[in-house]
Each structure stands twice: as structure tokens, then as C-alpha cells.
N, C-alpha and C. Protein backbone atom coordinates (compact mmCIF):
# COMPACT_ATOMS: atom_id res chain seq x y z
N MET A 1 45.01 48.94 72.39
CA MET A 1 45.67 48.72 71.12
C MET A 1 44.95 47.60 70.38
N VAL A 2 44.64 47.84 69.12
CA VAL A 2 43.97 46.85 68.29
C VAL A 2 44.97 45.81 67.80
N PHE A 3 46.12 46.28 67.33
CA PHE A 3 47.14 45.42 66.75
C PHE A 3 48.45 45.61 67.51
N THR A 4 49.42 44.76 67.23
CA THR A 4 50.75 44.94 67.80
C THR A 4 51.38 46.20 67.22
N HIS A 5 52.42 46.70 67.91
CA HIS A 5 53.04 47.95 67.47
C HIS A 5 53.58 47.87 66.05
N ASP A 6 54.17 46.74 65.67
CA ASP A 6 54.74 46.65 64.33
C ASP A 6 53.67 46.63 63.26
N THR A 7 52.53 46.01 63.56
CA THR A 7 51.42 46.01 62.60
C THR A 7 50.87 47.42 62.43
N GLU A 8 50.63 48.11 63.53
CA GLU A 8 50.12 49.49 63.44
C GLU A 8 51.10 50.39 62.71
N PHE A 9 52.37 50.22 63.01
CA PHE A 9 53.40 51.06 62.39
C PHE A 9 53.45 50.82 60.88
N ALA A 10 53.42 49.56 60.47
CA ALA A 10 53.47 49.23 59.03
C ALA A 10 52.22 49.73 58.31
N LEU A 11 51.06 49.58 58.94
CA LEU A 11 49.83 50.07 58.33
C LEU A 11 49.87 51.59 58.17
N HIS A 12 50.30 52.27 59.22
CA HIS A 12 50.37 53.73 59.18
C HIS A 12 51.35 54.19 58.09
N ALA A 13 52.50 53.55 58.02
CA ALA A 13 53.50 53.91 57.00
C ALA A 13 52.94 53.70 55.60
N ALA A 14 52.23 52.59 55.40
CA ALA A 14 51.65 52.30 54.09
C ALA A 14 50.58 53.31 53.72
N VAL A 15 49.73 53.68 54.68
CA VAL A 15 48.67 54.66 54.42
C VAL A 15 49.28 56.01 54.06
N VAL A 16 50.28 56.44 54.80
CA VAL A 16 50.94 57.72 54.50
C VAL A 16 51.60 57.65 53.12
N LEU A 17 52.23 56.54 52.80
CA LEU A 17 52.87 56.39 51.49
C LEU A 17 51.82 56.45 50.39
N VAL A 18 50.75 55.71 50.51
CA VAL A 18 49.70 55.71 49.48
C VAL A 18 49.09 57.11 49.35
N ASN A 19 48.80 57.73 50.48
CA ASN A 19 48.18 59.06 50.45
C ASN A 19 49.13 60.13 49.93
N SER A 20 50.42 59.84 49.88
CA SER A 20 51.37 60.81 49.32
C SER A 20 51.14 61.02 47.83
N GLU A 21 50.41 60.11 47.21
CA GLU A 21 50.13 60.21 45.78
C GLU A 21 49.01 61.21 45.47
N LEU A 22 48.20 61.53 46.48
CA LEU A 22 47.11 62.48 46.27
C LEU A 22 47.67 63.85 45.95
N PRO A 23 46.95 64.62 45.12
CA PRO A 23 47.43 65.97 44.81
C PRO A 23 47.50 66.84 46.07
N PRO A 24 48.58 67.55 46.27
CA PRO A 24 49.81 67.49 45.49
C PRO A 24 50.66 66.29 45.92
N ASP A 25 51.25 65.61 44.97
CA ASP A 25 52.10 64.46 45.25
C ASP A 25 53.24 64.90 46.16
N THR A 26 53.37 64.24 47.30
CA THR A 26 54.41 64.62 48.26
C THR A 26 55.54 63.59 48.34
N MET A 27 55.69 62.81 47.28
CA MET A 27 56.79 61.85 47.22
C MET A 27 57.40 61.94 45.82
N THR A 28 57.98 63.10 45.53
CA THR A 28 58.54 63.33 44.19
C THR A 28 60.05 63.47 44.18
N THR A 29 60.65 63.61 45.36
CA THR A 29 62.11 63.79 45.43
C THR A 29 62.69 62.81 46.43
N VAL A 30 63.97 62.58 46.30
CA VAL A 30 64.66 61.72 47.27
C VAL A 30 64.58 62.34 48.66
N GLU A 31 64.59 63.65 48.74
CA GLU A 31 64.48 64.33 50.04
C GLU A 31 63.13 64.04 50.70
N GLU A 32 62.06 64.02 49.92
CA GLU A 32 60.74 63.68 50.48
C GLU A 32 60.70 62.22 50.92
N LEU A 33 61.35 61.35 50.16
CA LEU A 33 61.47 59.96 50.57
C LEU A 33 62.26 59.87 51.88
N ASP A 34 63.32 60.65 51.99
CA ASP A 34 64.11 60.67 53.23
C ASP A 34 63.25 61.07 54.42
N GLU A 35 62.37 62.06 54.25
CA GLU A 35 61.49 62.50 55.34
C GLU A 35 60.54 61.38 55.74
N TRP A 36 59.94 60.71 54.74
CA TRP A 36 59.03 59.59 55.03
C TRP A 36 59.81 58.48 55.75
N PHE A 37 60.99 58.19 55.24
CA PHE A 37 61.82 57.14 55.83
C PHE A 37 62.17 57.47 57.27
N ALA A 38 62.52 58.71 57.53
CA ALA A 38 62.88 59.14 58.89
C ALA A 38 61.68 59.01 59.83
N GLU A 39 60.49 59.31 59.33
CA GLU A 39 59.30 59.20 60.18
C GLU A 39 59.00 57.75 60.54
N PHE A 40 59.20 56.84 59.61
CA PHE A 40 58.80 55.45 59.85
C PHE A 40 59.96 54.52 60.14
N ARG A 41 61.17 55.00 60.06
CA ARG A 41 62.38 54.32 60.53
C ARG A 41 62.47 52.84 60.13
N TYR A 42 62.28 52.58 58.85
CA TYR A 42 62.51 51.21 58.39
C TYR A 42 63.98 50.87 58.61
N THR A 43 64.24 49.68 59.05
CA THR A 43 65.62 49.25 59.22
C THR A 43 66.11 48.63 57.92
N GLY A 44 67.41 48.52 57.78
CA GLY A 44 67.99 47.86 56.63
C GLY A 44 68.50 48.82 55.58
N ARG A 45 68.74 48.26 54.44
CA ARG A 45 69.40 48.93 53.32
C ARG A 45 68.62 50.14 52.82
N ARG A 46 69.35 51.17 52.45
CA ARG A 46 68.81 52.35 51.76
C ARG A 46 69.76 52.67 50.63
N ASP A 47 69.22 52.97 49.46
CA ASP A 47 70.06 53.31 48.31
C ASP A 47 70.18 54.82 48.09
N PHE A 48 69.22 55.60 48.62
CA PHE A 48 69.26 57.07 48.53
C PHE A 48 69.38 57.57 47.09
N ASP A 49 68.65 56.95 46.17
CA ASP A 49 68.74 57.38 44.78
C ASP A 49 67.37 57.43 44.12
N ALA A 50 67.36 57.91 42.89
CA ALA A 50 66.11 58.07 42.14
C ALA A 50 65.44 56.73 41.84
N GLU A 51 66.23 55.68 41.65
CA GLU A 51 65.65 54.36 41.37
C GLU A 51 64.85 53.86 42.58
N GLU A 52 65.38 54.10 43.77
CA GLU A 52 64.66 53.70 44.98
C GLU A 52 63.36 54.50 45.11
N LEU A 53 63.43 55.79 44.85
CA LEU A 53 62.25 56.64 44.88
C LEU A 53 61.22 56.16 43.86
N ASP A 54 61.65 55.89 42.63
CA ASP A 54 60.73 55.44 41.59
C ASP A 54 60.08 54.10 41.95
N ALA A 55 60.85 53.20 42.54
CA ALA A 55 60.30 51.90 42.94
C ALA A 55 59.25 52.06 44.03
N LEU A 56 59.51 52.93 44.97
CA LEU A 56 58.54 53.16 46.05
C LEU A 56 57.29 53.85 45.51
N ARG A 57 57.47 54.79 44.61
CA ARG A 57 56.32 55.45 43.98
C ARG A 57 55.47 54.44 43.21
N ALA A 58 56.13 53.50 42.55
CA ALA A 58 55.41 52.47 41.78
C ALA A 58 54.66 51.49 42.69
N LEU A 59 55.09 51.38 43.93
CA LEU A 59 54.43 50.49 44.89
C LEU A 59 53.11 51.08 45.38
N ARG A 60 52.94 52.37 45.33
CA ARG A 60 51.75 53.02 45.89
C ARG A 60 50.43 52.46 45.35
N PRO A 61 50.26 52.29 44.03
CA PRO A 61 48.98 51.73 43.56
C PRO A 61 48.74 50.29 44.03
N VAL A 62 49.80 49.54 44.16
CA VAL A 62 49.68 48.16 44.66
C VAL A 62 49.20 48.18 46.11
N LEU A 63 49.81 49.05 46.92
CA LEU A 63 49.39 49.15 48.31
C LEU A 63 47.98 49.71 48.42
N ARG A 64 47.62 50.65 47.56
CA ARG A 64 46.25 51.18 47.57
C ARG A 64 45.25 50.05 47.32
N GLU A 65 45.53 49.22 46.32
CA GLU A 65 44.63 48.10 46.05
C GLU A 65 44.54 47.17 47.25
N LEU A 66 45.68 46.87 47.85
CA LEU A 66 45.69 45.99 49.03
C LEU A 66 44.88 46.59 50.17
N LEU A 67 45.11 47.85 50.48
CA LEU A 67 44.48 48.48 51.64
C LEU A 67 43.00 48.78 51.44
N THR A 68 42.53 48.74 50.21
CA THR A 68 41.12 49.04 49.96
C THR A 68 40.34 47.82 49.47
N SER A 69 40.96 46.67 49.45
CA SER A 69 40.29 45.46 48.98
C SER A 69 39.45 44.81 50.07
N ASP A 70 38.49 44.00 49.63
CA ASP A 70 37.77 43.20 50.61
C ASP A 70 38.71 42.12 51.14
N ARG A 71 38.28 41.45 52.16
CA ARG A 71 39.13 40.50 52.89
C ARG A 71 39.68 39.40 51.99
N ASP A 72 38.85 38.82 51.13
CA ASP A 72 39.30 37.72 50.27
C ASP A 72 40.34 38.18 49.25
N HIS A 73 40.07 39.30 48.61
CA HIS A 73 41.03 39.81 47.62
C HIS A 73 42.32 40.26 48.30
N ALA A 74 42.20 40.88 49.47
CA ALA A 74 43.39 41.29 50.21
C ALA A 74 44.26 40.07 50.53
N ALA A 75 43.64 38.97 50.90
CA ALA A 75 44.40 37.74 51.21
C ALA A 75 45.15 37.25 49.98
N GLU A 76 44.52 37.33 48.81
CA GLU A 76 45.20 36.93 47.57
C GLU A 76 46.42 37.81 47.31
N ILE A 77 46.23 39.12 47.49
CA ILE A 77 47.34 40.06 47.26
C ILE A 77 48.47 39.80 48.25
N VAL A 78 48.12 39.63 49.53
CA VAL A 78 49.13 39.35 50.55
C VAL A 78 49.91 38.10 50.20
N ASN A 79 49.22 37.03 49.85
CA ASN A 79 49.91 35.78 49.52
C ASN A 79 50.86 35.97 48.34
N ALA A 80 50.43 36.72 47.33
CA ALA A 80 51.28 36.96 46.16
C ALA A 80 52.51 37.80 46.54
N MET A 81 52.30 38.83 47.35
CA MET A 81 53.42 39.68 47.75
C MET A 81 54.44 38.90 48.57
N LEU A 82 53.97 38.09 49.50
CA LEU A 82 54.88 37.32 50.34
C LEU A 82 55.62 36.26 49.53
N ALA A 83 54.93 35.62 48.59
CA ALA A 83 55.57 34.61 47.75
C ALA A 83 56.62 35.25 46.84
N GLU A 84 56.29 36.38 46.25
CA GLU A 84 57.23 37.06 45.36
C GLU A 84 58.51 37.44 46.09
N ALA A 85 58.38 37.85 47.34
CA ALA A 85 59.56 38.27 48.11
C ALA A 85 60.24 37.10 48.81
N VAL A 86 59.70 35.90 48.66
CA VAL A 86 60.20 34.72 49.36
C VAL A 86 60.35 35.07 50.85
N ALA A 87 59.27 35.55 51.41
CA ALA A 87 59.27 36.02 52.79
C ALA A 87 59.32 34.86 53.77
N VAL A 88 60.20 34.97 54.73
CA VAL A 88 60.35 33.98 55.79
C VAL A 88 60.31 34.73 57.12
N PRO A 89 59.16 34.70 57.81
CA PRO A 89 59.06 35.46 59.06
C PRO A 89 60.08 35.02 60.09
N ARG A 90 60.62 36.02 60.79
CA ARG A 90 61.55 35.75 61.89
C ARG A 90 61.38 36.84 62.93
N LEU A 91 61.64 36.50 64.15
CA LEU A 91 61.56 37.46 65.24
C LEU A 91 62.86 38.26 65.31
N VAL A 92 62.71 39.58 65.43
CA VAL A 92 63.86 40.47 65.56
C VAL A 92 63.58 41.49 66.65
N ARG A 93 64.64 42.05 67.17
CA ARG A 93 64.52 43.11 68.17
C ARG A 93 65.56 44.17 67.84
N HIS A 94 65.10 45.39 67.75
CA HIS A 94 65.99 46.53 67.51
C HIS A 94 65.34 47.76 68.10
N GLU A 95 66.14 48.76 68.37
CA GLU A 95 65.62 50.00 68.95
C GLU A 95 64.66 50.67 67.98
N PRO A 96 63.59 51.21 68.39
CA PRO A 96 63.10 51.31 69.75
C PRO A 96 62.09 50.21 70.11
N PHE A 97 62.05 49.12 69.33
CA PHE A 97 61.01 48.11 69.51
C PHE A 97 61.54 46.82 70.12
N ASP A 98 60.67 46.16 70.87
CA ASP A 98 60.96 44.84 71.41
C ASP A 98 60.74 43.82 70.28
N TRP A 99 60.63 42.56 70.62
CA TRP A 99 60.48 41.49 69.64
C TRP A 99 59.28 41.75 68.73
N HIS A 100 59.52 41.60 67.43
CA HIS A 100 58.48 41.73 66.43
C HIS A 100 58.92 40.96 65.19
N LEU A 101 58.07 40.92 64.17
CA LEU A 101 58.35 40.13 62.98
C LEU A 101 58.95 40.97 61.85
N HIS A 102 59.96 40.40 61.21
CA HIS A 102 60.44 40.84 59.91
C HIS A 102 60.38 39.59 59.05
N ALA A 103 60.22 39.78 57.76
CA ALA A 103 60.08 38.59 56.91
C ALA A 103 61.03 38.57 55.72
N VAL A 104 61.85 39.60 55.60
CA VAL A 104 62.89 39.60 54.57
C VAL A 104 64.18 40.14 55.18
N SER A 105 65.25 39.89 54.51
CA SER A 105 66.57 40.31 54.97
C SER A 105 66.68 41.83 55.01
N PRO A 106 67.46 42.36 55.95
CA PRO A 106 67.69 43.81 55.95
C PRO A 106 68.43 44.28 54.70
N ASP A 107 69.02 43.35 53.95
CA ASP A 107 69.69 43.70 52.70
C ASP A 107 68.73 43.82 51.52
N ALA A 108 67.47 43.41 51.71
CA ALA A 108 66.47 43.53 50.64
C ALA A 108 66.24 45.02 50.37
N SER A 109 65.78 45.30 49.18
CA SER A 109 65.52 46.70 48.81
C SER A 109 64.45 47.29 49.72
N LEU A 110 64.46 48.60 49.84
CA LEU A 110 63.46 49.29 50.65
C LEU A 110 62.05 48.95 50.16
N VAL A 111 61.84 48.96 48.86
CA VAL A 111 60.51 48.69 48.33
C VAL A 111 60.06 47.27 48.70
N THR A 112 60.96 46.31 48.69
CA THR A 112 60.62 44.95 49.09
C THR A 112 60.27 44.90 50.57
N ARG A 113 61.05 45.59 51.39
CA ARG A 113 60.77 45.59 52.83
C ARG A 113 59.44 46.26 53.14
N VAL A 114 59.14 47.37 52.47
CA VAL A 114 57.87 48.05 52.69
C VAL A 114 56.71 47.15 52.25
N ALA A 115 56.84 46.54 51.08
CA ALA A 115 55.77 45.67 50.59
C ALA A 115 55.54 44.50 51.54
N VAL A 116 56.61 43.87 51.98
CA VAL A 116 56.47 42.70 52.85
C VAL A 116 55.97 43.09 54.23
N GLU A 117 56.46 44.18 54.80
CA GLU A 117 55.97 44.59 56.12
C GLU A 117 54.49 44.98 56.06
N THR A 118 54.09 45.61 54.96
CA THR A 118 52.66 45.93 54.80
C THR A 118 51.86 44.64 54.65
N ALA A 119 52.35 43.71 53.86
CA ALA A 119 51.65 42.42 53.70
C ALA A 119 51.55 41.69 55.03
N MET A 120 52.63 41.69 55.80
CA MET A 120 52.59 41.03 57.12
C MET A 120 51.59 41.71 58.05
N ALA A 121 51.51 43.03 57.99
CA ALA A 121 50.52 43.74 58.80
C ALA A 121 49.11 43.36 58.36
N MET A 122 48.92 43.24 57.05
CA MET A 122 47.60 42.87 56.56
C MET A 122 47.23 41.44 56.93
N VAL A 123 48.22 40.59 57.17
CA VAL A 123 47.92 39.25 57.67
C VAL A 123 47.13 39.37 58.97
N ASP A 124 47.59 40.23 59.86
CA ASP A 124 46.87 40.43 61.13
C ASP A 124 45.49 41.01 60.89
N VAL A 125 45.39 42.00 60.02
CA VAL A 125 44.11 42.64 59.72
C VAL A 125 43.12 41.60 59.20
N ILE A 126 43.56 40.78 58.28
CA ILE A 126 42.69 39.77 57.67
C ILE A 126 42.32 38.69 58.70
N ARG A 127 43.30 38.19 59.43
CA ARG A 127 43.03 37.13 60.41
C ARG A 127 42.07 37.58 61.49
N LEU A 128 42.17 38.85 61.90
CA LEU A 128 41.30 39.37 62.95
C LEU A 128 39.99 39.95 62.39
N ASP A 129 39.81 39.83 61.08
CA ASP A 129 38.62 40.35 60.40
C ASP A 129 38.40 41.83 60.74
N GLU A 130 39.47 42.61 60.59
CA GLU A 130 39.44 44.04 60.90
C GLU A 130 39.65 44.91 59.66
N VAL A 131 39.30 44.38 58.49
CA VAL A 131 39.46 45.12 57.24
C VAL A 131 38.67 46.43 57.28
N SER A 132 37.60 46.47 58.06
CA SER A 132 36.79 47.69 58.15
C SER A 132 37.56 48.84 58.79
N ARG A 133 38.72 48.59 59.35
CA ARG A 133 39.53 49.66 59.93
C ARG A 133 40.25 50.46 58.84
N LEU A 134 40.16 50.00 57.62
CA LEU A 134 40.73 50.71 56.47
C LEU A 134 39.60 51.12 55.54
N GLY A 135 39.63 52.35 55.09
CA GLY A 135 38.58 52.81 54.18
C GLY A 135 39.02 54.05 53.43
N ILE A 136 38.09 54.59 52.67
CA ILE A 136 38.34 55.79 51.89
C ILE A 136 37.78 56.99 52.65
N CYS A 137 38.48 58.09 52.58
CA CYS A 137 38.10 59.33 53.25
C CYS A 137 36.65 59.70 52.95
N ALA A 138 35.93 60.18 53.96
CA ALA A 138 34.52 60.57 53.81
C ALA A 138 34.35 61.90 53.07
N ASP A 139 35.42 62.65 52.86
CA ASP A 139 35.34 63.88 52.09
C ASP A 139 35.10 63.48 50.63
N GLU A 140 34.02 63.97 50.06
CA GLU A 140 33.64 63.55 48.71
C GLU A 140 34.65 63.95 47.64
N ASP A 141 35.55 64.88 47.95
CA ASP A 141 36.56 65.31 47.00
C ASP A 141 37.92 64.65 47.24
N CYS A 142 37.96 63.63 48.08
CA CYS A 142 39.23 63.02 48.45
C CYS A 142 39.18 61.50 48.26
N GLU A 143 40.28 60.95 47.85
CA GLU A 143 40.41 59.50 47.71
C GLU A 143 41.45 58.94 48.68
N GLY A 144 41.77 59.71 49.72
CA GLY A 144 42.76 59.27 50.70
C GLY A 144 42.28 58.05 51.47
N ILE A 145 43.23 57.28 51.95
CA ILE A 145 42.91 56.10 52.76
C ILE A 145 42.90 56.51 54.22
N VAL A 146 41.92 55.99 54.94
CA VAL A 146 41.77 56.23 56.36
C VAL A 146 42.14 54.95 57.10
N LEU A 147 43.01 55.07 58.09
CA LEU A 147 43.32 53.98 59.00
C LEU A 147 42.69 54.35 60.34
N ASP A 148 41.67 53.60 60.73
CA ASP A 148 40.94 53.91 61.96
C ASP A 148 41.33 52.91 63.05
N LEU A 149 42.16 53.37 63.95
CA LEU A 149 42.57 52.53 65.08
C LEU A 149 41.87 52.94 66.37
N SER A 150 40.84 53.78 66.24
CA SER A 150 40.12 54.23 67.43
C SER A 150 39.25 53.11 67.99
N ARG A 151 38.98 53.16 69.27
CA ARG A 151 38.14 52.15 69.90
C ARG A 151 36.73 52.13 69.33
N ASN A 152 36.18 53.32 69.10
CA ASN A 152 34.80 53.38 68.65
C ASN A 152 34.66 53.46 67.13
N ARG A 153 35.75 53.26 66.42
CA ARG A 153 35.74 53.23 64.96
C ARG A 153 35.09 54.48 64.37
N SER A 154 35.49 55.62 64.87
CA SER A 154 34.83 56.87 64.49
C SER A 154 35.62 57.70 63.48
N ARG A 155 36.80 57.29 63.13
CA ARG A 155 37.60 58.10 62.21
C ARG A 155 37.01 57.99 60.80
N ARG A 156 36.74 59.13 60.17
CA ARG A 156 36.11 59.15 58.86
C ARG A 156 36.95 59.83 57.80
N PHE A 157 37.91 60.63 58.22
CA PHE A 157 38.68 61.44 57.28
C PHE A 157 40.15 61.05 57.34
N CYS A 158 40.83 61.20 56.20
CA CYS A 158 42.24 60.84 56.12
C CYS A 158 43.13 61.87 56.79
N SER A 159 42.61 63.09 56.96
CA SER A 159 43.42 64.14 57.56
C SER A 159 42.51 65.17 58.21
N THR A 160 43.11 66.00 59.03
CA THR A 160 42.38 67.11 59.63
C THR A 160 41.89 68.06 58.55
N THR A 161 42.68 68.25 57.52
CA THR A 161 42.30 69.13 56.42
C THR A 161 40.99 68.68 55.79
N CYS A 162 40.86 67.39 55.51
CA CYS A 162 39.63 66.87 54.91
C CYS A 162 38.45 67.00 55.87
N GLY A 163 38.68 66.71 57.15
CA GLY A 163 37.62 66.85 58.13
C GLY A 163 37.14 68.28 58.23
N ASN A 164 38.07 69.23 58.26
CA ASN A 164 37.71 70.64 58.32
C ASN A 164 36.98 71.09 57.06
N ARG A 165 37.47 70.67 55.91
CA ARG A 165 36.83 71.04 54.65
C ARG A 165 35.39 70.53 54.61
N SER A 166 35.19 69.32 55.06
CA SER A 166 33.84 68.75 55.08
C SER A 166 32.94 69.49 56.06
N SER A 167 33.47 69.85 57.21
CA SER A 167 32.68 70.59 58.20
C SER A 167 32.28 71.97 57.69
N VAL A 168 33.22 72.65 57.04
CA VAL A 168 32.93 73.97 56.48
C VAL A 168 31.88 73.85 55.38
N ALA A 169 32.00 72.84 54.53
CA ALA A 169 31.02 72.65 53.45
C ALA A 169 29.64 72.37 54.03
N ALA A 170 29.57 71.55 55.06
CA ALA A 170 28.28 71.25 55.70
C ALA A 170 27.69 72.50 56.34
N TYR A 171 28.52 73.30 56.99
CA TYR A 171 28.06 74.55 57.60
C TYR A 171 27.51 75.50 56.53
N ARG A 172 28.23 75.63 55.44
CA ARG A 172 27.79 76.53 54.37
C ARG A 172 26.48 76.03 53.75
N ALA A 173 26.35 74.73 53.61
CA ALA A 173 25.11 74.18 53.07
C ALA A 173 23.93 74.45 54.00
N ARG A 174 24.16 74.33 55.30
CA ARG A 174 23.09 74.63 56.26
C ARG A 174 22.70 76.11 56.21
N GLN A 175 23.72 76.96 56.09
CA GLN A 175 23.46 78.40 56.03
C GLN A 175 22.69 78.76 54.76
N ALA A 176 23.06 78.15 53.64
CA ALA A 176 22.38 78.42 52.37
C ALA A 176 20.93 77.91 52.41
N ALA A 177 20.70 76.80 53.08
CA ALA A 177 19.34 76.25 53.20
C ALA A 177 18.44 77.13 54.04
N ARG A 178 19.03 77.83 54.98
CA ARG A 178 18.25 78.72 55.86
C ARG A 178 17.81 79.99 55.14
N GLY A 179 18.55 80.34 54.15
CA GLY A 179 18.01 81.47 53.48
C GLY A 179 18.82 82.45 52.83
């Protein structure tokens, strides 16, 4: 494991949220938000309404900038996000996780909790100088974010779909070159 479970979980949730903006947008209804929420099991308050969905959708470009920035700029963004939320880290334990960090109240809005948990995860990424574990998909037609937690840092595509599309394109190019 490169990072603690809560850091990996927050990074993965943020990458999936940001990549939901890629065509076709998969975060357009409260039901789609519910599915994302169920997958990543954020604790605390949920409003289950269009305003919550709109706030989370508006967070995606901010998280994209954070996850694709160089280390210095990412640190600036993290500091601003934590200051804006008046984040105060504290140790918590809840199912299914042992002790880990939360930095805002469970009563804070979902968008605030997502922003702060992503910022806290990026604290680890920045401190460990592991920003290279985040990048843009190698498929030339995709702008998805890749989170590479592999030991050999070999992940290049944001999804199996992009990896397959790239492989098929490379195969077709080789076949066309042959004749």
C-alpha cells in the first residue's frame, strides 16, 4: 500500500467524481449521486436534493485542477481548501474503517466533506512527493484522470475502455502500415 486506506479511498472517490464529467456525464441526477455516494460511503449529512448535486458537480473542476497540478500549486490549492472549510483534523473510527482522519464535522455539507477529504488526501500525496501517481489518461481522445497505485507505476489509462480503445487503434495502425 502506498498510502493509508483513507487517503487511497478519498483519492479514488475524487478521481471517479472528476471523471464523471467526461462525456457522457454520469453525474446528472440525484440517483447517480446516490450511486457514487453508496460506492464511496462518505459519512455524515446528506441532503438528497438537486442543490447538493449541483454543488458536487461544481466541485469537479476544482478537484480536476487539484489532481492535475504540480506539487507547489497543489499545495496552494490544498491550503486554500482547508482554510475555507476551517478544517481541524481529528481521529475518528467508524465501520468499516479503523482510526483515520476527518477534518470537518459530519454535519458539514457533502461537498465540503468531499473537498476537505480530497485535500487531506493530497496532503499525503504532496508530503510523500507522489504527485506522479496522478495523471491524465494516455488515450489521446480522453482527458480522464488516472490514479496509479500500482507498485511499478504502470497504469496509463483511466479505464479499461480507454486502454482497449488505444490497443485497438495501435493494432489497426500496425495493420495499415503493413499494407
